[in-house]
Amino acid sequence: MTADRMLDRLDRLARDATLEAAERWHARAEALDWIDRVWHVLAHEAPDATVRAQALRHRLERADDMLHRRLRAVVRAGYGPTVFQRWQQETGLIDGEGYDALDELLAGVLQLADPGPGSRPLEPEMVFYQPTPARHALDMLVRSRVGPRDVLVDLGSGLGHVPMLASICTGARAIGVEWQPSHVEAARRAARRLKLERVGFLAQDARDADLSRGTVFFLYTPFLGTVLREVLDALRLEGMRRPIRVCTFGPCTRIVGDEAWLHTDGPTTADRVAVFRCVGQGSD
């Protein structure tokens, strides 16, 4: 894109008063991403334009901040399930492991803080934490039919956005099991700020976790090898006692798909959540 075309687009964005409307968070995210991508070119080719670009950035960020504040108030008041149904309707394409505007919106609402230094070294076969893209978390909640009577257990919950999102959107009880105590403390602080009383976090090895309360289990490939094997064996025992759903995302999906005690009605690709049920358990 030439400098003239960049300046033309900057002028059009600056004139668009509708960008500040709450429902245009997608368009704001695209505009902010564009400003970041062309900033170095503007600074070199048209340095005076960076003042206008910065003013536009501040304007859009203020609009986002107002929206995030409103949504946090909605969550604290307990109206999350009604309002956040629209997130799923606006998600669009699901496949792929990248992040999008919905992740920016969720980050602004949950206000997940950086846990800071002091993380424990990972044990062999544990996988470095990477957040589940928000669209995949919502897709999982819909396809696994999580409801208020469920208990969702996120094994390897990181900073806790999946358990919090599950509780906000469905009213379910949710538990995050995470190896890193620093991540657990950050998740607990965020949940307290949002008054999410049905969400809890445990600083624990997933192999030692009490799985007896869970009805839906989620794994974004937090571990592989013998660790995954031990956790799957524990889940199989739970599945012998009651119907459960096991939802996976990433490379572990292929391994879980080979479990004889589980079946799925949908595809089992690494770039979309797979929902498994115990053999003999219907899809309803």
C-alpha atoms as a PDB file:
ATOM      1  CA  MET A   1       0.000   0.000   0.000  1.00  0.00           C
ATOM      2  CA  THR A   2       1.405   3.389  -1.022  1.00  0.00           C
ATOM      3  CA  ALA A   3       1.698   6.307   1.366  1.00  0.00           C
ATOM      4  CA  ASP A   4      -1.106   8.156  -0.464  1.00  0.00           C
ATOM      5  CA  ARG A   5      -3.475   5.206  -0.063  1.00  0.00           C
ATOM      6  CA  MET A   6      -2.539   4.922   3.606  1.00  0.00           C
ATOM      7  CA  LEU A   7      -3.290   8.590   4.154  1.00  0.00           C
ATOM      8  CA  ASP A   8      -6.602   8.225   2.345  1.00  0.00           C
ATOM      9  CA  ARG A   9      -7.605   5.303   4.543  1.00  0.00           C
ATOM     10  CA  LEU A  10      -6.493   7.156   7.671  1.00  0.00           C
ATOM     11  CA  ASP A  11      -8.705  10.103   6.704  1.00  0.00           C
ATOM     12  CA  ARG A  12     -11.691   7.821   6.051  1.00  0.00           C
ATOM     13  CA  LEU A  13     -11.273   6.106   9.419  1.00  0.00           C
ATOM     14  CA  ALA A  14     -10.899   9.428  11.222  1.00  0.00           C
ATOM     15  CA  ARG A  15     -14.162  10.684   9.669  1.00  0.00           C
ATOM     16  CA  ASP A  16     -16.113   7.531  10.539  1.00  0.00           C
ATOM     17  CA  ALA A  17     -17.997   8.452  13.728  1.00  0.00           C
ATOM     18  CA  THR A  18     -19.729   5.052  13.810  1.00  0.00           C
ATOM     19  CA  LEU A  19     -16.461   3.392  14.793  1.00  0.00           C
ATOM     20  CA  GLU A  20     -17.134   4.432  18.376  1.00  0.00           C
ATOM     21  CA  ALA A  21     -20.410   2.499  18.556  1.00  0.00           C
ATOM     22  CA  ALA A  22     -20.306  -0.437  20.996  1.00  0.00           C
ATOM     23  CA  GLU A  23     -21.352  -2.994  18.390  1.00  0.00           C
ATOM     24  CA  ARG A  24     -18.471  -2.040  16.058  1.00  0.00           C
ATOM     25  CA  TRP A  25     -15.758  -3.617  18.199  1.00  0.00           C
ATOM     26  CA  HIS A  26     -14.759  -5.827  15.248  1.00  0.00           C
ATOM     27  CA  ALA A  27     -14.144  -2.776  13.046  1.00  0.00           C
ATOM     28  CA  ARG A  28     -12.216  -1.009  15.818  1.00  0.00           C
ATOM     29  CA  ALA A  29      -9.967  -4.022  16.254  1.00  0.00           C
ATOM     30  CA  GLU A  30      -9.264  -4.085  12.514  1.00  0.00           C
ATOM     31  CA  ALA A  31      -8.529  -0.350  12.477  1.00  0.00           C
ATOM     32  CA  LEU A  32      -6.180  -0.557  15.474  1.00  0.00           C
ATOM     33  CA  ASP A  33      -4.372  -3.513  13.920  1.00  0.00           C
ATOM     34  CA  TRP A  34      -3.991  -1.563  10.675  1.00  0.00           C
ATOM     35  CA  ILE A  35      -2.533   1.456  12.503  1.00  0.00           C
ATOM     36  CA  ASP A  36       0.035  -0.792  14.163  1.00  0.00           C
ATOM     37  CA  ARG A  37       0.992  -2.401  10.851  1.00  0.00           C
ATOM     38  CA  VAL A  38       1.485   0.852   8.905  1.00  0.00           C
ATOM     39  CA  TRP A  39       2.889   2.977  11.716  1.00  0.00           C
ATOM     40  CA  HIS A  40       6.546   2.594  10.720  1.00  0.00           C
ATOM     41  CA  VAL A  41       5.707   3.453   7.094  1.00  0.00           C
ATOM     42  CA  LEU A  42       3.770   6.554   8.113  1.00  0.00           C
ATOM     43  CA  ALA A  43       6.577   7.619  10.423  1.00  0.00           C
ATOM     44  CA  HIS A  44       9.018   7.394   7.509  1.00  0.00           C
ATOM     45  CA  GLU A  45       6.890   8.613   4.585  1.00  0.00           C
ATOM     46  CA  ALA A  46       4.450  11.046   6.243  1.00  0.00           C
ATOM     47  CA  PRO A  47       5.562  11.783   9.812  1.00  0.00           C
ATOM     48  CA  ASP A  48       2.920  14.493  10.279  1.00  0.00           C
ATOM     49  CA  ALA A  49       0.230  11.848   9.764  1.00  0.00           C
ATOM     50  CA  THR A  50       1.349   9.947  12.849  1.00  0.00           C
ATOM     51  CA  VAL A  51      -0.264  12.651  14.982  1.00  0.00           C
ATOM     52  CA  ARG A  52      -3.633  11.947  13.343  1.00  0.00           C
ATOM     53  CA  ALA A  53      -3.052   8.207  13.590  1.00  0.00           C
ATOM     54  CA  GLN A  54      -2.272   8.497  17.288  1.00  0.00           C
ATOM     55  CA  ALA A  55      -5.409  10.596  17.867  1.00  0.00           C
ATOM     56  CA  LEU A  56      -7.484   7.961  16.082  1.00  0.00           C
ATOM     57  CA  ARG A  57      -5.856   5.218  18.140  1.00  0.00           C
ATOM     58  CA  HIS A  58      -6.725   6.990  21.400  1.00  0.00           C
ATOM     59  CA  ARG A  59     -10.302   7.546  20.245  1.00  0.00           C
ATOM     60  CA  LEU A  60     -10.821   3.886  19.371  1.00  0.00           C
ATOM     61  CA  GLU A  61      -9.141   2.684  22.563  1.00  0.00           C
ATOM     62  CA  ARG A  62     -11.425   4.935  24.629  1.00  0.00           C
ATOM     63  CA  ALA A  63     -14.465   3.412  22.910  1.00  0.00           C
ATOM     64  CA  ASP A  64     -13.149  -0.084  23.652  1.00  0.00           C
ATOM     65  CA  ASP A  65     -12.483   0.830  27.268  1.00  0.00           C
ATOM     66  CA  MET A  66     -16.073   2.049  27.680  1.00  0.00           C
ATOM     67  CA  LEU A  67     -17.389  -1.184  26.157  1.00  0.00           C
ATOM     68  CA  HIS A  68     -15.194  -3.328  28.399  1.00  0.00           C
ATOM     69  CA  ARG A  69     -16.407  -1.448  31.476  1.00  0.00           C
ATOM     70  CA  ARG A  70     -20.032  -1.985  30.479  1.00  0.00           C
ATOM     71  CA  LEU A  71     -19.496  -5.676  29.843  1.00  0.00           C
ATOM     72  CA  ARG A  72     -17.710  -6.143  33.160  1.00  0.00           C
ATOM     73  CA  ALA A  73     -20.704  -4.550  34.898  1.00  0.00           C
ATOM     74  CA  VAL A  74     -23.005  -6.965  33.051  1.00  0.00           C
ATOM     75  CA  VAL A  75     -20.896  -9.926  34.186  1.00  0.00           C
ATOM     76  CA  ARG A  76     -20.821  -8.754  37.806  1.00  0.00           C
ATOM     77  CA  ALA A  77     -24.606  -8.400  37.743  1.00  0.00           C
ATOM     78  CA  GLY A  78     -24.965 -12.027  36.592  1.00  0.00           C
ATOM     79  CA  TYR A  79     -26.351 -11.331  33.120  1.00  0.00           C
ATOM     80  CA  GLY A  80     -23.433 -12.794  31.185  1.00  0.00           C
ATOM     81  CA  PRO A  81     -25.255 -15.765  29.591  1.00  0.00           C
ATOM     82  CA  THR A  82     -27.772 -13.501  27.837  1.00  0.00           C
ATOM     83  CA  VAL A  83     -25.368 -10.866  26.584  1.00  0.00           C
ATOM     84  CA  PHE A  84     -22.508 -13.124  25.550  1.00  0.00           C
ATOM     85  CA  GLN A  85     -24.674 -15.317  23.315  1.00  0.00           C
ATOM     86  CA  ARG A  86     -23.995 -12.660  20.698  1.00  0.00           C
ATOM     87  CA  TRP A  87     -20.290 -13.466  20.795  1.00  0.00           C
ATOM     88  CA  GLN A  88     -20.928 -16.896  19.341  1.00  0.00           C
ATOM     89  CA  GLN A  89     -23.187 -15.455  16.651  1.00  0.00           C
ATOM     90  CA  GLU A  90     -20.464 -13.017  15.569  1.00  0.00           C
ATOM     91  CA  THR A  91     -17.572 -15.480  15.637  1.00  0.00           C
ATOM     92  CA  GLY A  92     -17.421 -16.346  11.921  1.00  0.00           C
ATOM     93  CA  LEU A  93     -14.763 -18.810  10.688  1.00  0.00           C
ATOM     94  CA  ILE A  94     -13.728 -21.231  13.441  1.00  0.00           C
ATOM     95  CA  ASP A  95     -10.805 -23.243  12.033  1.00  0.00           C
ATOM     96  CA  GLY A  96      -7.211 -22.191  12.648  1.00  0.00           C
ATOM     97  CA  GLU A  97      -5.105 -21.566  15.737  1.00  0.00           C
ATOM     98  CA  GLY A  98      -4.604 -17.807  15.329  1.00  0.00           C
ATOM     99  CA  TYR A  99      -6.172 -15.069  17.434  1.00  0.00           C
ATOM    100  CA  ASP A 100      -8.672 -12.418  16.341  1.00  0.00           C
ATOM    101  CA  ALA A 101     -10.775  -9.467  17.512  1.00  0.00           C
ATOM    102  CA  LEU A 102     -12.775 -11.641  19.887  1.00  0.00           C
ATOM    103  CA  ASP A 103      -9.605 -12.380  21.857  1.00  0.00           C
ATOM    104  CA  GLU A 104      -8.976  -8.640  22.192  1.00  0.00           C
ATOM    105  CA  LEU A 105     -12.514  -8.127  23.452  1.00  0.00           C
ATOM    106  CA  LEU A 106     -12.243 -10.979  25.938  1.00  0.00           C
ATOM    107  CA  ALA A 107      -8.887  -9.713  27.218  1.00  0.00           C
ATOM    108  CA  GLY A 108     -10.408  -6.300  27.845  1.00  0.00           C
ATOM    109  CA  VAL A 109     -13.336  -7.760  29.777  1.00  0.00           C
ATOM    110  CA  LEU A 110     -11.451 -10.314  31.872  1.00  0.00           C
ATOM    111  CA  GLN A 111      -8.409  -8.076  32.482  1.00  0.00           C
ATOM    112  CA  LEU A 112      -6.044 -11.015  32.834  1.00  0.00           C
ATOM    113  CA  ALA A 113      -2.816  -9.723  34.324  1.00  0.00           C
ATOM    114  CA  ASP A 114       0.674 -10.868  33.473  1.00  0.00           C
ATOM    115  CA  PRO A 115       1.602 -13.363  36.236  1.00  0.00           C
ATOM    116  CA  GLY A 116       5.100 -11.897  36.306  1.00  0.00           C
ATOM    117  CA  PRO A 117       8.333 -13.747  37.063  1.00  0.00           C
ATOM    118  CA  GLY A 118       8.581 -16.765  39.283  1.00  0.00           C
ATOM    119  CA  SER A 119       7.028 -19.498  37.150  1.00  0.00           C
ATOM    120  CA  ARG A 120       7.958 -23.060  38.022  1.00  0.00           C
ATOM    121  CA  PRO A 121      10.025 -24.990  35.489  1.00  0.00           C
ATOM    122  CA  LEU A 122       7.870 -27.312  33.409  1.00  0.00           C
ATOM    123  CA  GLU A 123       8.334 -30.999  33.899  1.00  0.00           C
ATOM    124  CA  PRO A 124       9.199 -33.179  30.896  1.00  0.00           C
ATOM    125  CA  GLU A 125       6.196 -33.717  28.572  1.00  0.00           C
ATOM    126  CA  MET A 126       4.436 -30.569  29.833  1.00  0.00           C
ATOM    127  CA  VAL A 127       3.681 -28.002  27.113  1.00  0.00           C
ATOM    128  CA  PHE A 128       4.321 -24.262  27.385  1.00  0.00           C
ATOM    129  CA  TYR A 129       1.104 -22.339  28.058  1.00  0.00           C
ATOM    130  CA  GLN A 130      -0.722 -20.823  25.121  1.00  0.00           C
ATOM    131  CA  PRO A 131      -4.245 -19.382  25.529  1.00  0.00           C
ATOM    132  CA  THR A 132      -7.118 -21.073  23.728  1.00  0.00           C
ATOM    133  CA  PRO A 133      -8.430 -18.706  21.035  1.00  0.00           C
ATOM    134  CA  ALA A 134     -11.746 -17.312  22.266  1.00  0.00           C
ATOM    135  CA  ARG A 135     -13.722 -18.481  19.223  1.00  0.00           C
ATOM    136  CA  HIS A 136     -12.609 -22.067  19.902  1.00  0.00           C
ATOM    137  CA  ALA A 137     -13.585 -21.795  23.567  1.00  0.00           C
ATOM    138  CA  LEU A 138     -17.063 -20.595  22.570  1.00  0.00           C
ATOM    139  CA  ASP A 139     -17.308 -23.289  19.906  1.00  0.00           C
ATOM    140  CA  MET A 140     -16.462 -25.890  22.545  1.00  0.00           C
ATOM    141  CA  LEU A 141     -19.116 -24.587  24.956  1.00  0.00           C
ATOM    142  CA  VAL A 142     -21.812 -24.734  22.272  1.00  0.00           C
ATOM    143  CA  ARG A 143     -20.934 -28.108  20.753  1.00  0.00           C
ATOM    144  CA  SER A 144     -20.456 -29.840  24.109  1.00  0.00           C
ATOM    145  CA  ARG A 145     -23.717 -28.283  25.322  1.00  0.00           C
ATOM    146  CA  VAL A 146     -22.338 -26.982  28.575  1.00  0.00           C
ATOM    147  CA  GLY A 147     -25.154 -25.760  30.819  1.00  0.00           C
ATOM    148  CA  PRO A 148     -25.768 -24.474  34.356  1.00  0.00           C
ATOM    149  CA  ARG A 149     -25.826 -28.003  35.804  1.00  0.00           C
ATOM    150  CA  ASP A 150     -22.399 -28.891  34.379  1.00  0.00           C
ATOM    151  CA  VAL A 151     -18.988 -28.695  35.985  1.00  0.00           C
ATOM    152  CA  LEU A 152     -16.335 -27.866  33.415  1.00  0.00           C
ATOM    153  CA  VAL A 153     -12.760 -28.809  34.343  1.00  0.00           C
ATOM    154  CA  ASP A 154      -9.994 -27.172  32.314  1.00  0.00           C
ATOM    155  CA  LEU A 155      -6.846 -29.277  32.686  1.00  0.00           C
ATOM    156  CA  GLY A 156      -3.990 -26.862  32.100  1.00  0.00           C
ATOM    157  CA  SER A 157      -6.068 -23.713  32.544  1.00  0.00           C
ATOM    158  CA  GLY A 158      -3.238 -21.167  32.340  1.00  0.00           C
ATOM    159  CA  LEU A 159      -4.565 -17.715  33.233  1.00  0.00           C
ATOM    160  CA  GLY A 160      -8.083 -19.099  33.471  1.00  0.00           C
ATOM    161  CA  HIS A 161     -10.002 -17.491  30.641  1.00  0.00           C
ATOM    162  CA  VAL A 162     -11.746 -20.712  29.530  1.00  0.00           C
ATOM    163  CA  PRO A 163     -13.256 -21.506  32.974  1.00  0.00           C
ATOM    164  CA  MET A 164     -14.289 -17.868  33.396  1.00  0.00           C
ATOM    165  CA  LEU A 165     -15.786 -17.728  29.925  1.00  0.00           C
ATOM    166  CA  ALA A 166     -17.654 -20.989  30.570  1.00  0.00           C
ATOM    167  CA  SER A 167     -19.203 -19.624  33.740  1.00  0.00           C
ATOM    168  CA  ILE A 168     -20.037 -16.240  32.205  1.00  0.00           C
ATOM    169  CA  CYS A 169     -21.650 -17.654  29.073  1.00  0.00           C
ATOM    170  CA  THR A 170     -23.418 -20.734  30.428  1.00  0.00           C
ATOM    171  CA  GLY A 171     -23.760 -20.354  34.194  1.00  0.00           C
ATOM    172  CA  ALA A 172     -21.853 -23.613  34.679  1.00  0.00           C
ATOM    173  CA  ARG A 173     -19.529 -24.248  37.586  1.00  0.00           C
ATOM    174  CA  ALA A 174     -15.955 -24.271  36.298  1.00  0.00           C
ATOM    175  CA  ILE A 175     -12.626 -25.402  37.735  1.00  0.00           C
ATOM    176  CA  GLY A 176      -9.201 -24.616  36.339  1.00  0.00           C
ATOM    177  CA  VAL A 177      -6.334 -26.974  37.160  1.00  0.00           C
ATOM    178  CA  GLU A 178      -2.964 -25.362  36.488  1.00  0.00           C
ATOM    179  CA  TRP A 179       0.645 -26.343  37.217  1.00  0.00           C
ATOM    180  CA  GLN A 180       1.891 -22.756  37.633  1.00  0.00           C
ATOM    181  CA  PRO A 181       0.884 -21.152  40.979  1.00  0.00           C
ATOM    182  CA  SER A 182       1.570 -17.671  39.570  1.00  0.00           C
ATOM    183  CA  HIS A 183      -0.991 -18.256  36.811  1.00  0.00           C
ATOM    184  CA  VAL A 184      -3.517 -19.550  39.332  1.00  0.00           C
ATOM    185  CA  GLU A 185      -3.161 -16.443  41.506  1.00  0.00           C
ATOM    186  CA  ALA A 186      -3.645 -14.173  38.480  1.00  0.00           C
ATOM    187  CA  ALA A 187      -6.763 -16.137  37.469  1.00  0.00           C
ATOM    188  CA  ARG A 188      -8.203 -15.976  40.977  1.00  0.00           C
ATOM    189  CA  ARG A 189      -7.746 -12.203  41.105  1.00  0.00           C
ATOM    190  CA  ALA A 190      -9.518 -11.770  37.765  1.00  0.00           C
ATOM    191  CA  ALA A 191     -12.422 -14.014  38.839  1.00  0.00           C
ATOM    192  CA  ARG A 192     -12.822 -12.107  42.114  1.00  0.00           C
ATOM    193  CA  ARG A 193     -12.959  -8.769  40.291  1.00  0.00           C
ATOM    194  CA  LEU A 194     -15.781 -10.096  38.130  1.00  0.00           C
ATOM    195  CA  LYS A 195     -17.592 -11.716  41.105  1.00  0.00           C
ATOM    196  CA  LEU A 196     -17.505 -15.135  39.432  1.00  0.00           C
ATOM    197  CA  GLU A 197     -18.439 -17.210  42.457  1.00  0.00           C
ATOM    198  CA  ARG A 198     -18.896 -20.433  40.456  1.00  0.00           C
ATOM    199  CA  VAL A 199     -15.297 -20.452  39.204  1.00  0.00           C
ATOM    200  CA  GLY A 200     -12.348 -21.906  41.104  1.00  0.00           C
ATOM    201  CA  PHE A 201      -8.678 -22.517  40.356  1.00  0.00           C
ATOM    202  CA  LEU A 202      -6.311 -25.146  41.734  1.00  0.00           C
ATOM    203  CA  ALA A 203      -2.516 -24.988  41.603  1.00  0.00           C
ATOM    204  CA  GLN A 204      -2.039 -28.672  40.983  1.00  0.00           C
ATOM    205  CA  ASP A 205      -0.611 -31.351  38.742  1.00  0.00           C
ATOM    206  CA  ALA A 206      -3.448 -32.646  36.572  1.00  0.00           C
ATOM    207  CA  ARG A 207      -2.426 -36.196  37.476  1.00  0.00           C
ATOM    208  CA  ASP A 208      -3.234 -35.478  41.120  1.00  0.00           C
ATOM    209  CA  ALA A 209      -6.476 -33.576  40.546  1.00  0.00           C
ATOM    210  CA  ASP A 210      -9.830 -34.730  41.882  1.00  0.00           C
ATOM    211  CA  LEU A 211     -11.866 -35.276  38.705  1.00  0.00           C
ATOM    212  CA  SER A 212     -14.960 -36.653  40.415  1.00  0.00           C
ATOM    213  CA  ARG A 213     -17.017 -33.461  40.088  1.00  0.00           C
ATOM    214  CA  GLY A 214     -16.404 -32.829  36.412  1.00  0.00           C
ATOM    215  CA  THR A 215     -18.932 -33.469  33.661  1.00  0.00           C
ATOM    216  CA  VAL A 216     -16.987 -31.738  30.861  1.00  0.00           C
ATOM    217  CA  PHE A 217     -13.179 -31.814  30.614  1.00  0.00           C
ATOM    218  CA  PHE A 218     -11.143 -29.547  28.359  1.00  0.00           C
ATOM    219  CA  LEU A 219      -7.510 -29.962  27.267  1.00  0.00           C
ATOM    220  CA  TYR A 220      -5.652 -27.593  24.952  1.00  0.00           C
ATOM    221  CA  THR A 221      -2.735 -30.043  24.700  1.00  0.00           C
ATOM    222  CA  PRO A 222      -1.224 -29.067  28.080  1.00  0.00           C
ATOM    223  CA  PHE A 223       0.939 -32.186  28.155  1.00  0.00           C
ATOM    224  CA  LEU A 224       1.827 -35.229  26.063  1.00  0.00           C
ATOM    225  CA  GLY A 225       3.406 -38.644  26.474  1.00  0.00           C
ATOM    226  CA  THR A 226       3.056 -40.469  29.764  1.00  0.00           C
ATOM    227  CA  VAL A 227       1.474 -37.457  31.483  1.00  0.00           C
ATOM    228  CA  LEU A 228      -1.360 -37.413  28.963  1.00  0.00           C
ATOM    229  CA  ARG A 229      -1.622 -41.188  29.253  1.00  0.00           C
ATOM    230  CA  GLU A 230      -2.106 -41.001  33.030  1.00  0.00           C
ATOM    231  CA  VAL A 231      -4.726 -38.264  32.734  1.00  0.00           C
ATOM    232  CA  LEU A 232      -6.636 -40.174  30.047  1.00  0.00           C
ATOM    233  CA  ASP A 233      -6.628 -43.290  32.213  1.00  0.00           C
ATOM    234  CA  ALA A 234      -8.048 -41.243  35.094  1.00  0.00           C
ATOM    235  CA  LEU A 235     -10.726 -39.796  32.804  1.00  0.00           C
ATOM    236  CA  ARG A 236     -11.620 -43.283  31.572  1.00  0.00           C
ATOM    237  CA  LEU A 237     -12.317 -44.334  35.169  1.00  0.00           C
ATOM    238  CA  GLU A 238     -14.549 -41.292  35.601  1.00  0.00           C
ATOM    239  CA  GLY A 239     -16.340 -42.203  32.381  1.00  0.00           C
ATOM    240  CA  MET A 240     -17.082 -45.672  33.763  1.00  0.00           C
ATOM    241  CA  ARG A 241     -18.925 -44.056  36.695  1.00  0.00           C
ATOM    242  CA  ARG A 242     -21.016 -41.478  34.801  1.00  0.00           C
ATOM    243  CA  PRO A 243     -21.386 -39.862  31.381  1.00  0.00           C
ATOM    244  CA  ILE A 244     -18.706 -37.251  30.696  1.00  0.00           C
ATOM    245  CA  ARG A 245     -17.550 -35.218  27.704  1.00  0.00           C
ATOM    246  CA  VAL A 246     -13.888 -34.732  26.857  1.00  0.00           C
ATOM    247  CA  CYS A 247     -13.056 -31.741  24.662  1.00  0.00           C
ATOM    248  CA  THR A 248      -9.622 -31.323  23.110  1.00  0.00           C
ATOM    249  CA  PHE A 249      -7.785 -28.808  20.971  1.00  0.00           C
ATOM    250  CA  GLY A 250      -4.412 -29.094  19.289  1.00  0.00           C
ATOM    251  CA  PRO A 251      -2.086 -32.085  18.797  1.00  0.00           C
ATOM    252  CA  CYS A 252      -3.516 -34.147  21.661  1.00  0.00           C
ATOM    253  CA  THR A 253      -6.778 -34.529  19.707  1.00  0.00           C
ATOM    254  CA  ARG A 254      -5.278 -37.258  17.526  1.00  0.00           C
ATOM    255  CA  ILE A 255      -4.176 -39.234  20.583  1.00  0.00           C
ATOM    256  CA  VAL A 256      -7.486 -38.836  22.389  1.00  0.00           C
ATOM    257  CA  GLY A 257      -9.289 -39.854  19.201  1.00  0.00           C
ATOM    258  CA  ASP A 258      -7.635 -43.293  19.432  1.00  0.00           C
ATOM    259  CA  GLU A 259      -9.200 -44.005  22.828  1.00  0.00           C
ATOM    260  CA  ALA A 260     -11.590 -46.960  22.464  1.00  0.00           C
ATOM    261  CA  TRP A 261     -13.822 -45.703  25.270  1.00  0.00           C
ATOM    262  CA  LEU A 262     -14.527 -42.406  23.521  1.00  0.00           C
ATOM    263  CA  HIS A 263     -16.330 -41.508  20.329  1.00  0.00           C
ATOM    264  CA  THR A 264     -17.158 -38.305  18.466  1.00  0.00           C
ATOM    265  CA  ASP A 265     -19.744 -37.465  15.838  1.00  0.00           C
ATOM    266  CA  GLY A 266     -17.645 -34.697  14.313  1.00  0.00           C
ATOM    267  CA  PRO A 267     -14.217 -34.206  12.748  1.00  0.00           C
ATOM    268  CA  THR A 268     -11.087 -34.622  14.852  1.00  0.00           C
ATOM    269  CA  THR A 269      -8.699 -32.081  13.379  1.00  0.00           C
ATOM    270  CA  ALA A 270      -5.984 -30.319  15.355  1.00  0.00           C
ATOM    271  CA  ASP A 271      -7.219 -26.820  14.443  1.00  0.00           C
ATOM    272  CA  ARG A 272     -10.753 -27.152  15.800  1.00  0.00           C
ATOM    273  CA  VAL A 273     -12.053 -28.375  19.148  1.00  0.00           C
ATOM    274  CA  ALA A 274     -13.122 -32.022  19.127  1.00  0.00           C
ATOM    275  CA  VAL A 275     -15.916 -33.112  21.457  1.00  0.00           C
ATOM    276  CA  PHE A 276     -15.751 -36.736  22.650  1.00  0.00           C
ATOM    277  CA  ARG A 277     -18.344 -38.695  24.616  1.00  0.00           C
ATOM    278  CA  CYS A 278     -18.150 -42.036  26.335  1.00  0.00           C
ATOM    279  CA  VAL A 279     -18.976 -44.993  24.112  1.00  0.00           C
ATOM    280  CA  GLY A 280     -22.641 -45.779  24.592  1.00  0.00           C
ATOM    281  CA  GLN A 281     -23.466 -42.185  25.541  1.00  0.00           C
ATOM    282  CA  GLY A 282     -25.742 -40.441  23.063  1.00  0.00           C
ATOM    283  CA  SER A 283     -25.006 -37.049  21.505  1.00  0.00           C
ATOM    284  CA  ASP A 284     -27.923 -35.323  23.205  1.00  0.00           C
END
